Amino acid sequence: MTKIKNDNIKIIPLGGVGEIGKNMYVIEIDTDIFIIDAGLKFPENEMLGIDIVIPDTTWLEEQKDRIKGIFLTHGHEDAIGGLPYVLQKINAPVYGTKLTIALAKEKLKEFGLKTSNRFHTVKSNSRIKFERTVITFFHTTHSIPDSVGICIQTSEGKIVHTGDFKFDQAATELYRAEIGKMASIGDSGVLCLLSDSTEAENPGFTTSEAVTERELSNTFHTAQGRIIVACFASNFIRIQQALDAAHENGRKVAVVGKSIERSFEIALKLNYLSLASDELMVPISDIPKYKDNEIVIISTGTMGEPFEALQKMARQNHKQINIKKGDTVLITATPSPGLETFMYKTIDLLYRAGAVVSTPYFKIHVSGHGSQEDLKLMLNLMKPKFFIPIQGEYRMLFEHAKLAEQTGLNKNQIFIPSNGEVVEYKDGKMSVGGKVSAGNVLIDGIGIGDVGNIVLRDRKLLSQDGIFTVVVTLDKKNKRIASGPEIISRGFVYVRESEKLIDESTNIVRSIVEQAISEGSFDWSGIKQDIRDRLNQFLFDQTKRRPMILPIIMEV
C-alpha cells in the first residue's frame, strides 16, 4: 500500500469487455491516469471491408495531460496492435518487457513513426514509482514469452491486472509463471482483480504445452510430404515447438509471411527463440532444392493471422508457396470470433487441394489462456476484495463471475462493466457510476475512423441488393432531356435478362423528369428524391428487393 491516501480510485475499460481483443483498461488514481494495453481486434462479419478495429480514445485525448504511462502486458496484437494509432494522439511513455517493447517498436516503424525515447523496458522485479502510486509486475505463462501481470498499489490495496495467463506446471523457463509472487501479492491485500476470461467456459485446467509438443513431434515423424504449420505471427511457443520438431525429424524450416518474418527475427535476436543448429533455417527460395519430406514451412498472413494466407495457398495464388498433393497442414491457431466460417472454408479448400489437414481439435492447439481451474487458482492466490472479469465476450465474463462466487466472493463484490462504464471505489464500497465515451474506431486502409455506421450500412445494402444507377442529362436552356435516362445495374439484376424491368424503370424516370421540366422545376434534389421514391416502390413490387438507387442528373 502507498503511504499517500488515495481518495479517487476508478477502473474504466475502454475495450476488452464483451469482446475478444481490443484490450484497453484505464486505472485512475486521484488525478493520475494509467493505461493498461492498447490492442486491436479483427472485424466482425458485418464490418464489411474493415481491416482492424481499435478502441475509441476520445476521452483519453481529453485527459492526455493526466496520463502517466501506457503499460503493456505482452506482445500480441490484442495488447499492442492499437499502439501506433494511440501514440499519434497521446504522447505518453510506454512500459513493457524486453520482447514486448521490441515488437511494439517494430509496429511503430511499420507506420513510419519515430520510437524516440518514450519506450521503457521493465523486468518482473521492476518497481516504477509515481507520486501517487507504485507499479510492479509478475511473470505469467502465455503463448509468448515476457508476458506479465501488472500490480498498481493504492492506499486501499492493490489493483491487479493478470494480463493473458494460464498455469502450466511443465512450462519452460521462458514461460514460467511466478506463482510465489502472485501469492505474496494476494497476502499483501488486493483491492480489485482484473482477470483474463477468454477460456472461462472450459472446465478443468488448460492442457499443458508439453502435450502439444508431443503431438507436433509425432505428426512431423509420420508426415510423408511437406509440413505447413499455420500459426499467429507472435505465437512464439508454437513456433519454437515447430523448430524443435523439425530438427528432431531432420527437416529444414522456411518462414513465409512478412509479419512472422519480422517477429521471428526479433525473437531470435533477443534469444526468445532458439535454433538447434545453424543449418536448420533455409530461405523460401531454396525449398525446391530439398525433398518434400525434408521441409517444414511456418506460415502466417496479414496482421499475423494465418487463414487468409492458407486460402491463397489452397487456391494456388500465393506469391511464394502453394499447396500440393501430399502436404500436411497443421492449423495451430484458433480463429478470432466471426472467422470460424472462414476457417472451415479454408480447411475445405485445403482438402480439395490434396492436403492432409490437422486442426486445433486434433490436440495440435493448446490455448494460451487459463480454463476454469486456472482461473479459480488465480482468484485464490490473489484473494481480491472486488473482482472484474475482463478479456472476453459477455458469456465468458458471466461464467468467470460464477467461478469467482465459487471461490467465496459475493455477487456485490463482482462487477461486469461495459466498455466506457466507470467502476469507482469510494468510502469502502465499489460501484458502477457514470460513463465515458467508448466504442470502436474502424480502420479501413489508411483511413482511421472515417468509416462509421452509415458507411457500413451502405456497404451492407450494396452487398445484399446491389446498386441501381440512373443517369439523365438535361438541356436546361431548351427544357428537354439531352440524353438518357441510362440505367446501370450492379449486383441487382442482369440487364440483358431483365429488359422489360429496365424499360419500365426508364419510362418511370423519363416521366418524372419531363413532368418536372414542363412545370419549370429544376430542383435537382427534388427530382432525385422523386426518382428514388418511385423506383424504390416499383422495383420492390417487381423483385421484392431494395437496391441502393443512385440518381445522377447532369446539365449541358
Protein backbone atom coordinates (compact mmCIF):
# COMPACT_ATOMS: atom_id res chain seq x y z
CA MET A 1 0.00 0.00 0.00
CA THR A 2 1.12 3.55 -0.63
CA LYS A 3 1.74 5.99 2.22
CA ILE A 4 -0.31 8.66 0.43
CA LYS A 5 -4.06 8.42 0.95
CA ASN A 6 -5.75 7.85 -2.43
CA ASP A 7 -9.18 9.49 -2.45
CA ASN A 8 -10.13 8.76 -6.06
CA ILE A 9 -9.84 5.21 -7.44
CA LYS A 10 -11.57 4.33 -10.71
CA ILE A 11 -11.33 1.46 -13.18
CA ILE A 12 -12.58 2.13 -16.72
CA PRO A 13 -12.47 -0.46 -19.53
CA LEU A 14 -12.28 1.21 -22.95
CA GLY A 15 -12.04 -2.13 -24.78
CA GLY A 16 -11.82 -5.83 -23.99
CA VAL A 17 -15.09 -6.43 -22.13
CA GLY A 18 -17.92 -8.01 -24.09
CA GLU A 19 -15.48 -8.78 -26.90
CA ILE A 20 -12.29 -10.66 -27.74
CA GLY A 21 -9.33 -8.36 -28.36
CA LYS A 22 -9.08 -4.55 -28.44
CA ASN A 23 -7.88 -4.58 -24.83
CA MET A 24 -7.53 -1.22 -23.12
CA TYR A 25 -8.11 -0.53 -19.43
CA VAL A 26 -7.77 2.74 -17.55
CA ILE A 27 -6.84 2.91 -13.88
CA GLU A 28 -7.40 6.35 -12.38
CA ILE A 29 -5.61 7.08 -9.10
CA ASP A 30 -6.51 10.55 -7.81
CA THR A 31 -5.56 12.87 -10.71
CA ASP A 32 -3.28 10.36 -12.44
CA ILE A 33 -4.30 8.03 -15.26
CA PHE A 34 -2.56 4.73 -16.10
CA ILE A 35 -3.44 2.80 -19.26
CA ILE A 36 -3.03 -0.99 -19.47
CA ASP A 37 -2.66 -2.30 -23.05
CA ALA A 38 -3.64 -0.71 -26.36
CA GLY A 39 -4.85 -3.56 -28.53
CA LEU A 40 -6.84 -4.24 -31.66
CA LYS A 41 -9.36 -6.83 -32.73
CA PHE A 42 -10.23 -8.30 -36.09
CA PRO A 43 -13.52 -7.14 -37.65
CA GLU A 44 -16.80 -8.99 -37.20
CA ASN A 45 -18.67 -10.34 -40.21
CA GLU A 46 -20.92 -7.30 -40.59
CA MET A 47 -17.93 -4.92 -40.70
CA LEU A 48 -17.61 -5.21 -44.46
CA GLY A 49 -14.21 -4.19 -45.82
CA ILE A 50 -12.83 -3.18 -42.41
CA ASP A 51 -9.23 -4.24 -41.73
CA ILE A 52 -8.99 -3.87 -37.94
CA VAL A 53 -10.83 -2.29 -35.01
CA ILE A 54 -9.21 -0.27 -32.20
CA PRO A 55 -10.63 1.42 -29.08
CA ASP A 56 -12.10 4.90 -29.19
CA THR A 57 -9.64 7.11 -27.28
CA THR A 58 -11.63 10.37 -27.47
CA TRP A 59 -12.00 10.57 -23.69
CA LEU A 60 -8.30 9.78 -23.15
CA GLU A 61 -7.31 12.52 -25.59
CA GLU A 62 -9.28 14.98 -23.47
CA GLN A 63 -7.39 13.77 -20.38
CA LYS A 64 -3.95 13.42 -22.02
CA ASP A 65 -2.20 15.77 -19.58
CA ARG A 66 -3.12 13.40 -16.74
CA ILE A 67 -1.82 10.21 -18.41
CA LYS A 68 1.34 8.92 -16.69
CA GLY A 69 2.01 5.93 -18.90
CA ILE A 70 0.82 3.04 -21.05
CA PHE A 71 1.69 -0.38 -19.60
CA LEU A 72 1.80 -3.41 -21.90
CA THR A 73 1.13 -6.93 -20.60
CA HIS A 74 2.52 -8.84 -23.62
CA GLY A 75 3.34 -8.59 -27.32
CA HIS A 76 0.24 -9.96 -29.04
CA GLU A 77 -1.92 -7.79 -31.31
CA ASP A 78 -4.77 -7.73 -28.78
CA ALA A 79 -2.43 -5.88 -26.40
CA ILE A 80 -0.16 -3.76 -28.64
CA GLY A 81 -1.89 -3.62 -32.05
CA GLY A 82 -3.57 -0.28 -31.44
CA LEU A 83 -0.46 1.40 -30.06
CA PRO A 84 0.66 3.15 -33.30
CA TYR A 85 -2.75 4.82 -33.57
CA VAL A 86 -2.93 5.76 -29.89
CA LEU A 87 0.56 7.27 -29.79
CA GLN A 88 -0.25 9.58 -32.69
CA LYS A 89 -2.78 11.29 -30.43
CA ILE A 90 -1.41 10.68 -26.93
CA ASN A 91 2.25 11.33 -26.22
CA ALA A 92 2.71 9.11 -23.17
CA PRO A 93 5.62 6.90 -22.04
CA VAL A 94 5.21 3.20 -22.79
CA TYR A 95 6.36 0.47 -20.39
CA GLY A 96 6.80 -3.21 -21.20
CA THR A 97 9.17 -6.15 -21.02
CA LYS A 98 12.05 -6.50 -23.48
CA LEU A 99 10.31 -8.60 -26.13
CA THR A 100 7.04 -6.67 -25.86
CA ILE A 101 8.82 -3.33 -26.33
CA ALA A 102 10.81 -4.69 -29.29
CA LEU A 103 7.62 -5.83 -31.03
CA ALA A 104 5.88 -2.54 -30.22
CA LYS A 105 8.77 -0.52 -31.67
CA GLU A 106 8.64 -2.62 -34.83
CA LYS A 107 4.93 -1.79 -35.21
CA LEU A 108 5.70 1.92 -34.99
CA LYS A 109 8.39 1.56 -37.65
CA GLU A 110 5.81 -0.01 -39.99
CA PHE A 111 3.78 3.18 -39.63
CA GLY A 112 6.82 5.40 -40.17
CA LEU A 113 6.63 6.70 -36.61
CA LYS A 114 9.68 7.52 -34.53
CA THR A 115 10.11 5.40 -31.42
CA SER A 116 12.19 8.17 -29.75
CA ASN A 117 12.74 7.73 -26.05
CA ARG A 118 9.18 7.10 -24.89
CA PHE A 119 9.65 3.33 -24.61
CA HIS A 120 10.86 1.97 -21.28
CA THR A 121 11.86 -1.66 -20.70
CA VAL A 122 10.87 -3.27 -17.41
CA LYS A 123 11.51 -6.64 -15.77
CA SER A 124 9.28 -8.64 -13.49
CA ASN A 125 11.17 -7.26 -10.47
CA SER A 126 10.94 -3.61 -11.60
CA ARG A 127 9.27 -1.02 -9.37
CA ILE A 128 8.10 2.16 -11.06
CA LYS A 129 7.38 4.95 -8.61
CA PHE A 130 4.92 7.72 -9.29
CA GLU A 131 3.79 10.48 -6.97
CA ARG A 132 0.53 8.75 -6.05
CA THR A 133 1.34 5.07 -6.61
CA VAL A 134 3.92 2.35 -7.28
CA ILE A 135 3.60 -0.14 -10.14
CA THR A 136 5.14 -3.63 -10.06
CA PHE A 137 4.98 -6.72 -12.28
CA PHE A 138 4.89 -10.53 -12.17
CA HIS A 139 5.60 -13.11 -14.88
CA THR A 140 2.71 -15.15 -16.28
CA THR A 141 2.54 -18.18 -18.56
CA HIS A 142 1.18 -17.40 -22.03
CA SER A 143 1.95 -18.37 -25.63
CA ILE A 144 4.50 -15.56 -25.93
CA PRO A 145 7.49 -15.00 -23.62
CA ASP A 146 7.83 -11.93 -21.41
CA SER A 147 4.12 -11.84 -20.55
CA VAL A 148 3.41 -10.08 -17.27
CA GLY A 149 0.63 -9.17 -14.90
CA ILE A 150 0.56 -5.62 -13.57
CA CYS A 151 0.08 -4.54 -9.96
CA ILE A 152 -0.88 -0.95 -9.12
CA GLN A 153 -0.57 -0.06 -5.45
CA THR A 154 -3.09 2.19 -3.72
CA SER A 155 -3.65 3.13 -0.08
CA GLU A 156 -6.75 0.87 -0.14
CA GLY A 157 -4.99 -2.20 -1.54
CA LYS A 158 -3.57 -3.31 -4.87
CA ILE A 159 -5.29 -3.30 -8.25
CA VAL A 160 -4.05 -6.35 -10.17
CA HIS A 161 -4.39 -6.90 -13.93
CA THR A 162 -3.45 -10.51 -14.76
CA GLY A 163 -2.77 -9.99 -18.47
CA ASP A 164 -3.23 -13.17 -20.54
CA PHE A 165 -2.34 -16.20 -18.44
CA LYS A 166 -2.67 -19.89 -17.68
CA PHE A 167 -0.89 -22.24 -15.29
CA ASP A 168 1.36 -24.88 -16.88
CA GLN A 169 3.38 -27.00 -14.46
CA ALA A 170 5.61 -28.17 -17.33
CA ALA A 171 6.34 -24.66 -18.64
CA THR A 172 9.93 -23.99 -19.68
CA GLU A 173 11.94 -21.19 -18.10
CA LEU A 174 10.94 -18.53 -20.64
CA TYR A 175 7.25 -19.18 -19.97
CA ARG A 176 7.23 -19.98 -16.25
CA ALA A 177 4.74 -18.11 -14.04
CA GLU A 178 5.84 -16.51 -10.76
CA ILE A 179 3.24 -18.26 -8.63
CA GLY A 180 5.06 -17.41 -5.39
CA LYS A 181 5.00 -13.71 -6.21
CA MET A 182 1.28 -13.92 -7.05
CA ALA A 183 0.59 -15.49 -3.65
CA SER A 184 2.66 -12.79 -1.96
CA ILE A 185 0.66 -10.07 -3.73
CA GLY A 186 -2.53 -11.72 -2.54
CA ASP A 187 -1.27 -11.90 1.05
CA SER A 188 -0.42 -8.17 0.98
CA GLY A 189 -4.01 -7.23 0.11
CA VAL A 190 -5.69 -6.93 -3.29
CA LEU A 191 -8.42 -4.34 -3.61
CA CYS A 192 -9.56 -5.41 -7.08
CA LEU A 193 -8.55 -8.17 -9.51
CA LEU A 194 -9.00 -7.78 -13.28
CA SER A 195 -8.60 -11.27 -14.75
CA ASP A 196 -8.49 -12.87 -18.22
CA SER A 197 -11.80 -14.61 -19.09
CA THR A 198 -11.07 -15.98 -22.59
CA GLU A 199 -11.41 -19.68 -21.65
CA ALA A 200 -13.82 -19.25 -18.72
CA GLU A 201 -16.32 -21.64 -20.35
CA ASN A 202 -13.86 -24.54 -20.46
CA PRO A 203 -13.77 -26.89 -17.44
CA GLY A 204 -10.58 -28.16 -15.82
CA PHE A 205 -7.07 -26.85 -16.36
CA THR A 206 -5.81 -25.78 -19.77
CA THR A 207 -3.81 -28.61 -21.33
CA SER A 208 -0.05 -28.34 -20.91
CA GLU A 209 2.09 -27.25 -23.84
CA ALA A 210 4.03 -30.50 -23.33
CA VAL A 211 1.04 -32.31 -24.91
CA THR A 212 1.22 -30.12 -27.99
CA GLU A 213 4.95 -30.66 -28.21
CA ARG A 214 4.46 -34.45 -28.29
CA GLU A 215 1.63 -34.23 -30.83
CA LEU A 216 3.67 -31.99 -33.12
CA SER A 217 6.67 -34.29 -32.92
CA ASN A 218 4.52 -37.35 -33.73
CA THR A 219 2.87 -35.59 -36.66
CA PHE A 220 6.24 -34.49 -38.01
CA HIS A 221 7.51 -38.06 -37.71
CA THR A 222 4.61 -39.62 -39.65
CA ALA A 223 4.08 -36.95 -42.33
CA GLN A 224 5.19 -38.09 -45.78
CA GLY A 225 5.38 -34.78 -47.64
CA ARG A 226 5.95 -31.15 -46.79
CA ILE A 227 4.62 -29.84 -43.48
CA ILE A 228 3.00 -26.42 -43.36
CA VAL A 229 2.49 -25.04 -39.85
CA ALA A 230 -0.07 -22.21 -39.78
CA CYS A 231 0.05 -20.04 -36.68
CA PHE A 232 -0.23 -16.48 -35.45
CA ALA A 233 2.93 -14.49 -36.07
CA SER A 234 3.65 -13.90 -32.38
CA ASN A 235 2.74 -17.35 -31.05
CA PHE A 236 6.37 -17.99 -30.17
CA ILE A 237 5.79 -21.12 -28.11
CA ARG A 238 4.22 -22.84 -31.13
CA ILE A 239 6.97 -21.60 -33.43
CA GLN A 240 9.64 -22.94 -31.03
CA GLN A 241 7.89 -26.32 -30.88
CA ALA A 242 7.79 -26.48 -34.68
CA LEU A 243 11.51 -25.62 -34.87
CA ASP A 244 12.38 -28.34 -32.34
CA ALA A 245 10.18 -30.97 -34.03
CA ALA A 246 11.71 -30.15 -37.42
CA HIS A 247 15.23 -30.61 -36.05
CA GLU A 248 14.31 -33.93 -34.38
CA ASN A 249 12.95 -35.24 -37.68
CA GLY A 250 15.74 -33.99 -39.92
CA ARG A 251 13.74 -31.29 -41.69
CA LYS A 252 14.66 -27.76 -42.78
CA VAL A 253 12.45 -24.81 -41.87
CA ALA A 254 11.36 -21.87 -44.03
CA VAL A 255 9.28 -18.94 -42.76
CA VAL A 256 6.62 -17.34 -45.00
CA GLY A 257 4.78 -14.09 -44.29
CA LYS A 258 6.11 -10.59 -43.62
CA SER A 259 4.67 -10.32 -40.11
CA ILE A 260 6.09 -13.65 -38.96
CA GLU A 261 9.45 -12.92 -40.61
CA ARG A 262 9.74 -9.67 -38.63
CA SER A 263 8.68 -11.15 -35.29
CA PHE A 264 10.85 -14.23 -35.91
CA GLU A 265 13.92 -12.06 -36.50
CA ILE A 266 13.25 -10.01 -33.34
CA ALA A 267 12.74 -13.10 -31.17
CA LEU A 268 15.91 -14.75 -32.47
CA LYS A 269 17.96 -11.63 -31.89
CA LEU A 270 16.72 -11.33 -28.29
CA ASN A 271 17.12 -15.08 -27.61
CA TYR A 272 13.40 -15.74 -27.15
CA LEU A 273 13.64 -18.34 -29.93
CA SER A 274 16.49 -20.81 -30.26
CA LEU A 275 17.76 -22.88 -33.18
CA ALA A 276 19.09 -26.37 -32.55
CA SER A 277 21.55 -25.92 -35.43
CA ASP A 278 22.75 -23.12 -37.68
CA GLU A 279 21.63 -25.11 -40.74
CA LEU A 280 18.02 -25.50 -39.60
CA MET A 281 16.65 -22.41 -41.41
CA VAL A 282 16.53 -22.05 -45.19
CA PRO A 283 15.16 -19.23 -47.38
CA ILE A 284 11.85 -19.90 -49.12
CA SER A 285 13.63 -19.77 -52.50
CA ASP A 286 15.68 -22.87 -51.55
CA ILE A 287 12.67 -25.15 -50.93
CA PRO A 288 12.86 -26.76 -54.44
CA LYS A 289 16.41 -27.94 -53.59
CA TYR A 290 15.04 -30.34 -50.95
CA LYS A 291 12.77 -33.36 -50.98
CA ASP A 292 9.22 -32.79 -49.76
CA ASN A 293 9.82 -34.88 -46.61
CA GLU A 294 12.74 -32.62 -45.68
CA ILE A 295 10.79 -29.36 -45.48
CA VAL A 296 8.70 -27.52 -42.87
CA ILE A 297 7.06 -24.20 -43.72
CA ILE A 298 5.89 -21.92 -40.91
CA SER A 299 3.30 -19.55 -42.31
CA THR A 300 1.07 -16.66 -41.37
CA GLY A 301 -0.71 -13.88 -43.23
CA THR A 302 -1.90 -10.27 -43.00
CA MET A 303 -1.85 -8.87 -39.45
CA GLY A 304 -0.24 -12.11 -38.30
CA GLU A 305 -3.46 -14.08 -38.96
CA PRO A 306 -2.91 -17.35 -40.90
CA PHE A 307 -6.21 -18.31 -42.57
CA GLU A 308 -6.18 -15.85 -45.46
CA ALA A 309 -2.67 -16.97 -46.46
CA LEU A 310 -3.76 -20.62 -46.32
CA GLN A 311 -6.68 -19.88 -48.64
CA LYS A 312 -4.34 -18.29 -51.15
CA MET A 313 -2.06 -21.34 -50.97
CA ALA A 314 -5.01 -23.69 -51.47
CA ARG A 315 -6.27 -21.66 -54.46
CA GLN A 316 -2.76 -21.72 -55.98
CA ASN A 317 -2.38 -17.93 -56.00
CA HIS A 318 0.07 -17.34 -53.14
CA LYS A 319 3.15 -15.41 -54.21
CA GLN A 320 5.65 -17.77 -52.58
CA ILE A 321 4.20 -21.18 -51.79
CA ASN A 322 1.15 -23.19 -52.88
CA ILE A 323 -0.46 -26.38 -51.57
CA LYS A 324 0.20 -29.56 -53.47
CA LYS A 325 -1.00 -33.13 -53.01
CA GLY A 326 0.69 -34.84 -50.09
CA ASP A 327 1.26 -31.71 -47.98
CA THR A 328 0.37 -31.90 -44.29
CA VAL A 329 -1.13 -28.66 -42.96
CA LEU A 330 -1.14 -28.11 -39.20
CA ILE A 331 -3.54 -25.32 -38.21
CA THR A 332 -2.29 -24.37 -34.78
CA ALA A 333 -4.40 -21.23 -34.39
CA THR A 334 -8.00 -20.83 -33.31
CA PRO A 335 -10.00 -18.31 -35.34
CA SER A 336 -10.96 -14.93 -33.96
CA PRO A 337 -14.71 -14.51 -33.30
CA GLY A 338 -16.53 -14.20 -36.60
CA LEU A 339 -13.81 -16.02 -38.54
CA GLU A 340 -14.99 -19.57 -37.73
CA THR A 341 -16.80 -19.97 -41.07
CA PHE A 342 -13.76 -18.61 -42.88
CA MET A 343 -11.58 -21.23 -41.14
CA TYR A 344 -13.87 -24.13 -42.15
CA LYS A 345 -13.95 -22.90 -45.73
CA THR A 346 -10.15 -22.72 -45.64
CA ILE A 347 -9.93 -26.32 -44.39
CA ASP A 348 -12.30 -27.43 -47.16
CA LEU A 349 -10.12 -25.73 -49.79
CA LEU A 350 -7.00 -27.35 -48.35
CA TYR A 351 -8.55 -30.80 -48.65
CA ARG A 352 -9.60 -30.05 -52.24
CA ALA A 353 -6.00 -29.08 -52.99
CA GLY A 354 -4.85 -32.51 -51.80
CA ALA A 355 -3.52 -31.65 -48.34
CA VAL A 356 -3.89 -33.63 -45.13
CA VAL A 357 -5.21 -31.21 -42.50
CA SER A 358 -4.79 -31.29 -38.74
CA THR A 359 -6.94 -28.71 -36.92
CA PRO A 360 -6.89 -27.40 -33.35
CA TYR A 361 -9.41 -30.06 -32.41
CA PHE A 362 -6.87 -32.81 -33.02
CA LYS A 363 -4.79 -31.73 -29.99
CA ILE A 364 -2.42 -29.66 -32.10
CA HIS A 365 -3.57 -26.42 -30.47
CA VAL A 366 -3.48 -25.71 -26.77
CA SER A 367 -4.89 -22.40 -25.56
CA GLY A 368 -2.65 -19.75 -24.10
CA HIS A 369 -5.43 -18.81 -21.69
CA GLY A 370 -6.50 -20.36 -18.41
CA SER A 371 -9.55 -22.63 -18.14
CA GLN A 372 -11.88 -22.73 -15.14
CA GLU A 373 -9.49 -24.33 -12.66
CA ASP A 374 -6.68 -21.97 -13.71
CA LEU A 375 -8.99 -19.00 -13.15
CA LYS A 376 -10.08 -20.24 -9.73
CA LEU A 377 -6.44 -20.76 -8.77
CA MET A 378 -5.66 -17.14 -9.70
CA LEU A 379 -8.64 -15.95 -7.64
CA ASN A 380 -7.48 -17.98 -4.65
CA LEU A 381 -3.91 -16.71 -4.96
CA MET A 382 -4.98 -13.07 -5.16
CA LYS A 383 -7.87 -13.17 -2.66
CA PRO A 384 -9.34 -9.91 -4.01
CA LYS A 385 -11.86 -7.77 -2.18
CA PHE A 386 -13.55 -6.96 -5.50
CA PHE A 387 -13.41 -8.68 -8.88
CA ILE A 388 -13.85 -7.57 -12.51
CA PRO A 389 -13.69 -10.28 -15.22
CA ILE A 390 -12.13 -8.87 -18.41
CA GLN A 391 -10.96 -10.01 -21.85
CA GLY A 392 -13.90 -11.98 -23.14
CA GLU A 393 -17.36 -11.86 -24.66
CA TYR A 394 -20.19 -11.36 -22.18
CA ARG A 395 -20.94 -15.06 -21.71
CA MET A 396 -17.27 -15.63 -20.81
CA LEU A 397 -17.31 -12.75 -18.33
CA PHE A 398 -20.51 -14.16 -16.82
CA GLU A 399 -19.01 -17.65 -16.43
CA HIS A 400 -15.90 -16.14 -14.84
CA ALA A 401 -18.10 -14.24 -12.38
CA LYS A 402 -19.75 -17.56 -11.41
CA LEU A 403 -16.30 -19.05 -10.77
CA ALA A 404 -15.49 -16.11 -8.52
CA GLU A 405 -18.60 -16.87 -6.48
CA GLN A 406 -17.40 -20.45 -6.10
CA THR A 407 -14.19 -19.18 -4.53
CA GLY A 408 -16.14 -17.23 -1.90
CA LEU A 409 -16.88 -13.80 -3.39
CA ASN A 410 -20.40 -12.42 -3.11
CA LYS A 411 -22.31 -11.02 -6.07
CA ASN A 412 -21.97 -7.49 -4.68
CA GLN A 413 -18.17 -7.88 -4.89
CA ILE A 414 -18.24 -8.74 -8.61
CA PHE A 415 -18.72 -6.25 -11.45
CA ILE A 416 -19.16 -6.84 -15.19
CA PRO A 417 -18.93 -3.36 -16.74
CA SER A 418 -19.46 -2.44 -20.36
CA ASN A 419 -16.82 -0.55 -22.31
CA GLY A 420 -16.78 3.03 -21.04
CA GLU A 421 -18.52 2.33 -17.71
CA VAL A 422 -16.73 3.70 -14.66
CA VAL A 423 -16.21 1.36 -11.70
CA GLU A 424 -15.45 3.58 -8.71
CA TYR A 425 -14.16 2.74 -5.22
CA LYS A 426 -15.23 5.21 -2.55
CA ASP A 427 -15.76 5.04 1.22
CA GLY A 428 -15.07 1.32 1.35
CA LYS A 429 -17.56 0.47 -1.40
CA MET A 430 -17.22 -0.21 -5.10
CA SER A 431 -19.96 0.71 -7.55
CA VAL A 432 -20.62 1.39 -11.23
CA GLY A 433 -21.37 5.04 -11.79
CA GLY A 434 -21.01 7.24 -14.82
CA LYS A 435 -19.78 6.55 -18.32
CA VAL A 436 -17.10 7.93 -20.62
CA SER A 437 -17.07 7.82 -24.41
CA ALA A 438 -16.04 4.40 -25.65
CA GLY A 439 -16.61 2.35 -28.76
CA ASN A 440 -14.99 1.16 -31.96
CA VAL A 441 -12.70 3.06 -34.30
CA LEU A 442 -12.71 1.27 -37.65
CA ILE A 443 -9.52 1.13 -39.71
CA ASP A 444 -10.02 0.69 -43.45
CA GLY A 445 -6.79 1.02 -45.43
CA ILE A 446 -5.14 4.25 -44.31
CA GLY A 447 -8.44 5.68 -43.11
CA ILE A 448 -8.76 5.94 -39.33
CA GLY A 449 -12.32 6.29 -38.11
CA ASP A 450 -13.63 7.67 -41.42
CA VAL A 451 -15.80 4.60 -41.89
CA GLY A 452 -18.73 4.78 -39.49
CA ASN A 453 -22.13 3.14 -39.08
CA ILE A 454 -23.63 4.97 -42.08
CA VAL A 455 -20.88 3.77 -44.43
CA LEU A 456 -21.17 0.22 -43.06
CA ARG A 457 -24.94 0.37 -43.58
CA ASP A 458 -24.40 1.41 -47.21
CA ARG A 459 -21.89 -1.40 -47.71
CA LYS A 460 -24.36 -3.87 -46.25
CA LEU A 461 -27.12 -2.62 -48.57
CA LEU A 462 -24.80 -2.86 -51.56
CA SER A 463 -23.81 -6.41 -50.62
CA GLN A 464 -27.43 -7.50 -50.17
CA ASP A 465 -29.41 -5.92 -53.04
CA GLY A 466 -26.86 -4.13 -55.18
CA ILE A 467 -26.99 -0.68 -56.77
CA PHE A 468 -29.31 0.79 -59.41
CA THR A 469 -27.82 3.89 -61.04
CA VAL A 470 -29.88 6.27 -63.18
CA VAL A 471 -28.10 8.85 -65.38
CA VAL A 472 -30.01 11.68 -67.05
CA THR A 473 -28.52 14.64 -68.96
CA LEU A 474 -30.71 17.76 -69.23
CA ASP A 475 -30.67 20.67 -71.65
CA LYS A 476 -31.86 23.35 -69.25
CA LYS A 477 -31.91 26.09 -71.87
CA ASN A 478 -34.25 24.21 -74.19
CA LYS A 479 -36.07 22.44 -71.33
CA ARG A 480 -35.59 18.94 -72.63
CA ILE A 481 -33.76 15.70 -71.91
CA ALA A 482 -30.48 15.78 -73.85
CA SER A 483 -29.68 12.11 -73.33
CA GLY A 484 -30.85 9.18 -71.26
CA PRO A 485 -32.24 8.05 -68.96
CA GLU A 486 -29.49 5.44 -68.90
CA ILE A 487 -29.74 2.74 -66.25
CA ILE A 488 -26.77 0.83 -64.87
CA SER A 489 -27.37 -2.17 -62.59
CA ARG A 490 -24.64 -3.72 -60.42
CA GLY A 491 -25.43 -6.60 -58.08
CA PHE A 492 -29.20 -6.19 -58.59
CA VAL A 493 -30.34 -7.73 -61.89
CA TYR A 494 -28.57 -8.84 -65.05
CA VAL A 495 -29.57 -6.17 -67.57
CA ARG A 496 -29.71 -8.40 -70.67
CA GLU A 497 -32.16 -10.78 -68.98
CA SER A 498 -34.29 -8.03 -67.42
CA GLU A 499 -35.00 -5.78 -70.42
CA LYS A 500 -38.68 -5.30 -69.52
CA LEU A 501 -37.82 -4.21 -65.98
CA ILE A 502 -35.16 -1.80 -67.26
CA ASP A 503 -37.50 -0.37 -69.93
CA GLU A 504 -40.28 0.25 -67.42
CA SER A 505 -37.81 1.83 -64.99
CA THR A 506 -36.56 4.08 -67.81
CA ASN A 507 -40.09 5.17 -68.59
CA ILE A 508 -40.76 5.99 -64.93
CA VAL A 509 -37.64 8.16 -64.74
CA ARG A 510 -38.40 9.88 -68.07
CA SER A 511 -41.94 10.76 -66.96
CA ILE A 512 -40.70 12.21 -63.65
CA VAL A 513 -38.04 14.35 -65.34
CA GLU A 514 -40.29 15.52 -68.18
CA GLN A 515 -43.05 16.50 -65.74
CA ALA A 516 -40.58 18.49 -63.66
CA ILE A 517 -39.23 20.26 -66.74
CA SER A 518 -42.69 21.09 -68.03
CA GLU A 519 -43.51 22.72 -64.70
CA GLY A 520 -40.32 24.77 -64.95
CA SER A 521 -38.86 22.98 -61.94
CA PHE A 522 -35.13 22.46 -61.91
CA ASP A 523 -34.81 21.47 -58.27
CA TRP A 524 -32.28 18.70 -58.73
CA SER A 525 -32.62 17.35 -55.17
CA GLY A 526 -36.42 17.19 -55.51
CA ILE A 527 -36.22 15.37 -58.85
CA LYS A 528 -33.70 12.90 -57.45
CA GLN A 529 -35.88 12.17 -54.43
CA ASP A 530 -38.92 11.56 -56.68
CA ILE A 531 -36.86 9.13 -58.77
CA ARG A 532 -35.72 7.28 -55.64
CA ASP A 533 -39.22 7.03 -54.19
CA ARG A 534 -40.98 5.89 -57.38
CA LEU A 535 -38.26 3.46 -58.44
CA ASN A 536 -37.91 2.05 -54.93
CA GLN A 537 -41.60 1.11 -54.82
CA PHE A 538 -41.66 -0.17 -58.40
CA LEU A 539 -38.55 -2.33 -58.07
CA PHE A 540 -39.73 -3.78 -54.76
CA ASP A 541 -43.12 -4.66 -56.26
CA GLN A 542 -41.39 -6.40 -59.17
CA THR A 543 -38.49 -8.13 -57.39
CA LYS A 544 -39.07 -7.92 -53.59
CA ARG A 545 -35.61 -6.37 -53.38
CA ARG A 546 -34.49 -2.87 -52.45
CA PRO A 547 -31.27 -1.90 -54.27
CA MET A 548 -29.48 1.33 -53.48
CA ILE A 549 -30.86 3.79 -56.03
CA LEU A 550 -28.40 6.45 -57.18
CA PRO A 551 -29.86 9.14 -59.49
CA ILE A 552 -27.29 11.27 -61.36
CA ILE A 553 -28.53 14.40 -63.15
CA MET A 554 -26.12 16.29 -65.39
CA GLU A 555 -26.61 19.52 -67.31
CA VAL A 556 -25.45 20.67 -70.74
